[in-house]
N, C-alpha and C. Protein backbone atom coordinates (compact mmCIF):
# COMPACT_ATOMS: atom_id res chain seq x y z
N MET A 1 0.77 -1.18 0.05
CA MET A 1 0.14 0.04 -0.01
C MET A 1 0.91 1.36 -0.07
N LEU A 2 1.92 1.31 0.77
CA LEU A 2 2.89 2.42 0.73
C LEU A 2 3.56 2.60 -0.41
N ASP A 3 4.04 1.58 -1.03
CA ASP A 3 4.68 1.77 -2.54
C ASP A 3 3.63 2.40 -3.43
N ALA A 4 2.40 1.82 -3.32
CA ALA A 4 1.47 2.33 -4.32
C ALA A 4 1.31 3.82 -4.16
N LEU A 5 1.21 4.18 -2.89
CA LEU A 5 1.21 5.77 -2.59
C LEU A 5 2.22 6.54 -3.14
N ALA A 6 3.49 5.98 -2.73
CA ALA A 6 4.63 6.62 -2.98
C ALA A 6 4.69 6.78 -4.64
N SER A 7 4.40 5.72 -5.28
CA SER A 7 4.37 5.78 -6.87
C SER A 7 3.35 6.38 -7.44
N GLY A 8 2.32 6.85 -6.75
CA GLY A 8 1.07 7.48 -7.32
C GLY A 8 0.06 6.47 -7.77
N ALA A 9 0.25 5.35 -7.72
CA ALA A 9 -1.02 4.35 -8.09
C ALA A 9 -2.03 4.50 -7.37
N LEU A 10 -2.01 4.79 -6.12
CA LEU A 10 -3.17 5.02 -5.16
C LEU A 10 -3.11 6.66 -4.74
N THR A 11 -4.36 7.19 -4.98
CA THR A 11 -4.57 8.46 -4.38
C THR A 11 -4.27 8.52 -2.80
N ARG A 12 -4.06 9.79 -2.07
CA ARG A 12 -3.74 9.98 -0.81
C ARG A 12 -5.19 9.57 -0.20
N ALA A 13 -6.43 9.78 -0.68
CA ALA A 13 -7.78 9.36 -0.09
C ALA A 13 -7.98 7.87 -0.17
N GLU A 14 -7.36 7.22 -1.19
CA GLU A 14 -7.62 5.71 -1.48
C GLU A 14 -6.67 5.07 -0.35
N ALA A 15 -5.44 5.41 -0.38
CA ALA A 15 -4.41 4.90 0.66
C ALA A 15 -4.95 5.14 2.16
N SER A 16 -5.48 6.25 2.55
CA SER A 16 -6.08 6.63 3.76
C SER A 16 -7.20 5.65 4.04
N ASP A 17 -8.12 5.57 3.01
CA ASP A 17 -9.23 4.73 3.33
C ASP A 17 -9.00 3.20 3.40
N ARG A 18 -8.02 2.77 2.97
CA ARG A 18 -7.46 1.40 3.02
C ARG A 18 -6.88 1.08 4.48
N ALA A 19 -6.07 2.16 5.05
CA ALA A 19 -5.62 2.14 6.42
C ALA A 19 -6.53 2.32 7.40
N ARG A 20 -7.74 3.08 7.10
CA ARG A 20 -8.70 3.51 8.12
C ARG A 20 -9.20 2.48 8.94
N PRO A 21 -9.70 1.20 8.53
CA PRO A 21 -10.06 0.32 9.50
C PRO A 21 -9.17 -0.11 10.84
N TRP A 22 -7.83 -0.07 10.54
CA TRP A 22 -6.93 -0.27 11.75
C TRP A 22 -7.21 0.63 12.76
N PHE A 23 -7.71 1.88 12.31
CA PHE A 23 -7.94 3.18 13.47
C PHE A 23 -9.22 3.31 13.89
N VAL A 24 -10.20 3.00 12.88
CA VAL A 24 -11.54 3.36 13.62
C VAL A 24 -12.40 2.22 13.90
N GLU A 25 -12.01 0.89 13.54
CA GLU A 25 -12.60 -0.39 13.90
C GLU A 25 -11.75 -1.08 15.09
N ASP A 26 -12.56 -1.55 16.07
CA ASP A 26 -11.84 -2.14 17.06
C ASP A 26 -11.76 -3.72 16.97
N VAL A 27 -11.27 -4.09 15.84
CA VAL A 27 -11.41 -5.44 15.53
C VAL A 27 -9.92 -5.87 15.03
N HIS A 28 -9.14 -4.90 14.63
CA HIS A 28 -7.87 -5.36 13.99
C HIS A 28 -6.84 -5.04 15.16
N ARG A 29 -5.82 -6.03 15.19
CA ARG A 29 -4.60 -5.99 15.95
C ARG A 29 -3.51 -5.96 15.35
N VAL A 30 -2.49 -5.04 15.44
CA VAL A 30 -1.26 -5.10 14.78
C VAL A 30 -0.15 -4.77 15.91
N ASP A 31 0.64 -6.08 15.99
CA ASP A 31 1.61 -6.28 17.01
C ASP A 31 3.05 -5.81 16.53
N ASP A 32 3.21 -5.51 15.22
CA ASP A 32 4.62 -5.38 14.51
C ASP A 32 4.68 -3.76 14.76
N ASP A 33 5.54 -3.12 15.19
CA ASP A 33 5.78 -1.65 15.37
C ASP A 33 5.95 -1.02 13.78
N LEU A 34 6.64 -1.69 13.04
CA LEU A 34 6.91 -1.09 11.51
C LEU A 34 5.72 -1.10 10.86
N VAL A 35 4.71 -2.17 11.15
CA VAL A 35 3.49 -2.22 10.40
C VAL A 35 2.57 -1.06 10.81
N TRP A 36 2.53 -0.73 12.10
CA TRP A 36 1.80 -0.01 12.84
C TRP A 36 2.11 1.35 12.48
N GLN A 37 3.46 1.76 12.41
CA GLN A 37 4.13 2.94 11.94
C GLN A 37 3.44 3.39 10.55
N THR A 38 3.74 2.33 9.74
CA THR A 38 3.49 2.33 8.34
C THR A 38 1.70 2.56 8.05
N LEU A 39 1.07 1.94 8.91
CA LEU A 39 -0.43 2.17 8.83
C LEU A 39 -0.69 3.84 9.32
N ASP A 40 -0.07 4.25 10.15
CA ASP A 40 -0.19 5.72 10.70
C ASP A 40 0.08 6.57 9.63
N TRP A 41 1.20 6.22 8.97
CA TRP A 41 1.70 7.26 7.97
C TRP A 41 0.62 7.38 6.85
N VAL A 42 0.23 6.06 6.43
CA VAL A 42 -0.75 6.02 5.27
C VAL A 42 -2.17 6.50 5.43
N PHE A 43 -2.51 6.41 6.82
CA PHE A 43 -3.82 6.75 7.47
C PHE A 43 -3.93 8.41 7.21
N GLY A 44 -2.78 8.95 7.71
CA GLY A 44 -2.58 10.61 7.58
C GLY A 44 -2.24 10.98 6.32
N ALA A 45 -2.05 10.22 5.16
CA ALA A 45 -1.79 10.84 3.94
C ALA A 45 -2.65 12.04 3.36
N ASP A 46 -3.87 11.85 3.79
CA ASP A 46 -4.81 12.82 3.09
C ASP A 46 -5.11 13.84 4.01
N LEU A 47 -4.29 14.10 5.17
CA LEU A 47 -4.41 15.26 6.05
C LEU A 47 -4.17 16.76 5.46
N MET A 48 -5.03 17.56 5.68
CA MET A 48 -4.84 19.12 5.02
C MET A 48 -4.47 19.97 6.15
N THR A 49 -3.68 20.93 5.72
CA THR A 49 -3.43 22.10 6.45
C THR A 49 -4.12 23.31 6.21
N SER A 50 -4.99 23.21 5.12
CA SER A 50 -5.99 24.37 4.76
C SER A 50 -6.82 23.77 3.75
N PRO A 51 -7.96 24.50 3.14
CA PRO A 51 -8.61 23.79 2.31
C PRO A 51 -8.12 23.37 0.98
N VAL A 52 -7.08 24.02 0.82
CA VAL A 52 -6.22 23.72 -0.69
C VAL A 52 -4.88 22.98 -0.49
N GLU A 53 -4.23 22.72 0.83
CA GLU A 53 -3.26 22.41 0.68
C GLU A 53 -3.07 21.07 1.75
N TYR A 54 -2.19 20.05 1.22
CA TYR A 54 -2.09 18.83 2.15
C TYR A 54 -0.85 18.97 2.91
N LEU A 55 -0.86 18.32 3.90
CA LEU A 55 0.15 18.35 4.99
C LEU A 55 1.36 17.41 4.46
N TYR A 56 1.10 16.22 3.85
CA TYR A 56 2.12 15.34 3.11
C TYR A 56 1.98 15.17 1.81
N GLY A 57 3.21 15.12 0.94
CA GLY A 57 3.14 15.09 -0.52
C GLY A 57 3.90 13.94 -0.96
N PRO A 58 4.03 14.05 -2.29
CA PRO A 58 4.89 12.82 -2.79
C PRO A 58 6.24 12.69 -2.29
N VAL A 59 6.87 13.71 -1.92
CA VAL A 59 8.27 13.67 -1.39
C VAL A 59 8.15 13.01 0.09
N ASP A 60 7.18 13.24 0.85
CA ASP A 60 6.90 12.63 2.16
C ASP A 60 6.65 11.20 1.95
N PHE A 61 5.77 10.77 0.85
CA PHE A 61 5.40 9.39 0.74
C PHE A 61 6.71 8.55 0.23
N ARG A 62 7.61 9.16 -0.50
CA ARG A 62 8.81 8.22 -0.92
C ARG A 62 9.78 8.30 0.38
N ALA A 63 9.75 9.30 1.08
CA ALA A 63 10.72 9.28 2.54
C ALA A 63 10.16 8.19 3.26
N TRP A 64 8.80 8.09 3.38
CA TRP A 64 8.15 7.01 4.27
C TRP A 64 8.59 5.70 3.78
N LEU A 65 8.38 5.34 2.37
CA LEU A 65 8.85 3.95 1.77
C LEU A 65 10.29 3.89 1.99
N ALA A 66 11.15 4.86 1.93
CA ALA A 66 12.64 4.70 2.20
C ALA A 66 12.87 4.29 3.66
N GLU A 67 12.14 4.85 4.55
CA GLU A 67 12.35 4.68 5.99
C GLU A 67 11.88 3.27 6.13
N PHE A 68 10.46 2.77 5.57
CA PHE A 68 10.08 1.70 5.91
C PHE A 68 11.03 0.57 5.22
N ASP A 69 11.44 0.61 3.97
CA ASP A 69 12.72 -0.29 3.47
C ASP A 69 13.85 -0.39 4.31
N ALA A 70 14.26 0.56 4.94
CA ALA A 70 15.65 0.74 5.80
C ALA A 70 15.36 -0.21 6.90
N ARG A 71 14.14 0.23 7.51
CA ARG A 71 13.67 -0.64 8.85
C ARG A 71 13.42 -1.89 8.48
N ASP A 72 12.76 -2.34 7.63
CA ASP A 72 12.40 -3.69 7.17
C ASP A 72 13.71 -4.75 6.88
N THR A 73 14.58 -3.89 6.07
CA THR A 73 15.85 -4.71 5.93
C THR A 73 16.60 -4.96 7.17
N ALA A 74 16.68 -4.02 8.05
CA ALA A 74 17.32 -4.31 9.52
C ALA A 74 16.70 -5.32 10.24
N PHE A 75 15.55 -5.58 9.97
CA PHE A 75 14.74 -6.80 10.66
C PHE A 75 15.13 -8.12 10.25
N THR A 76 15.51 -8.11 8.77
CA THR A 76 15.58 -9.44 8.14
C THR A 76 17.12 -9.86 8.09
């Protein structure tokens, strides 16, 4: 999901909608810290700072993916 957001294959809203169940429904449990951090990033991808400006953009999405990849590699 994060790679699709970073590449533009998913819009901010689509990515956020896919992550939303882990935050608004009390049925999903995530024990992996890296997965939880990634879901948190993706869920916030469509946050806005004004009616016309997003808090995060493509540069942030690519940075999140790079951090995920770096941390995931450290665990393998």
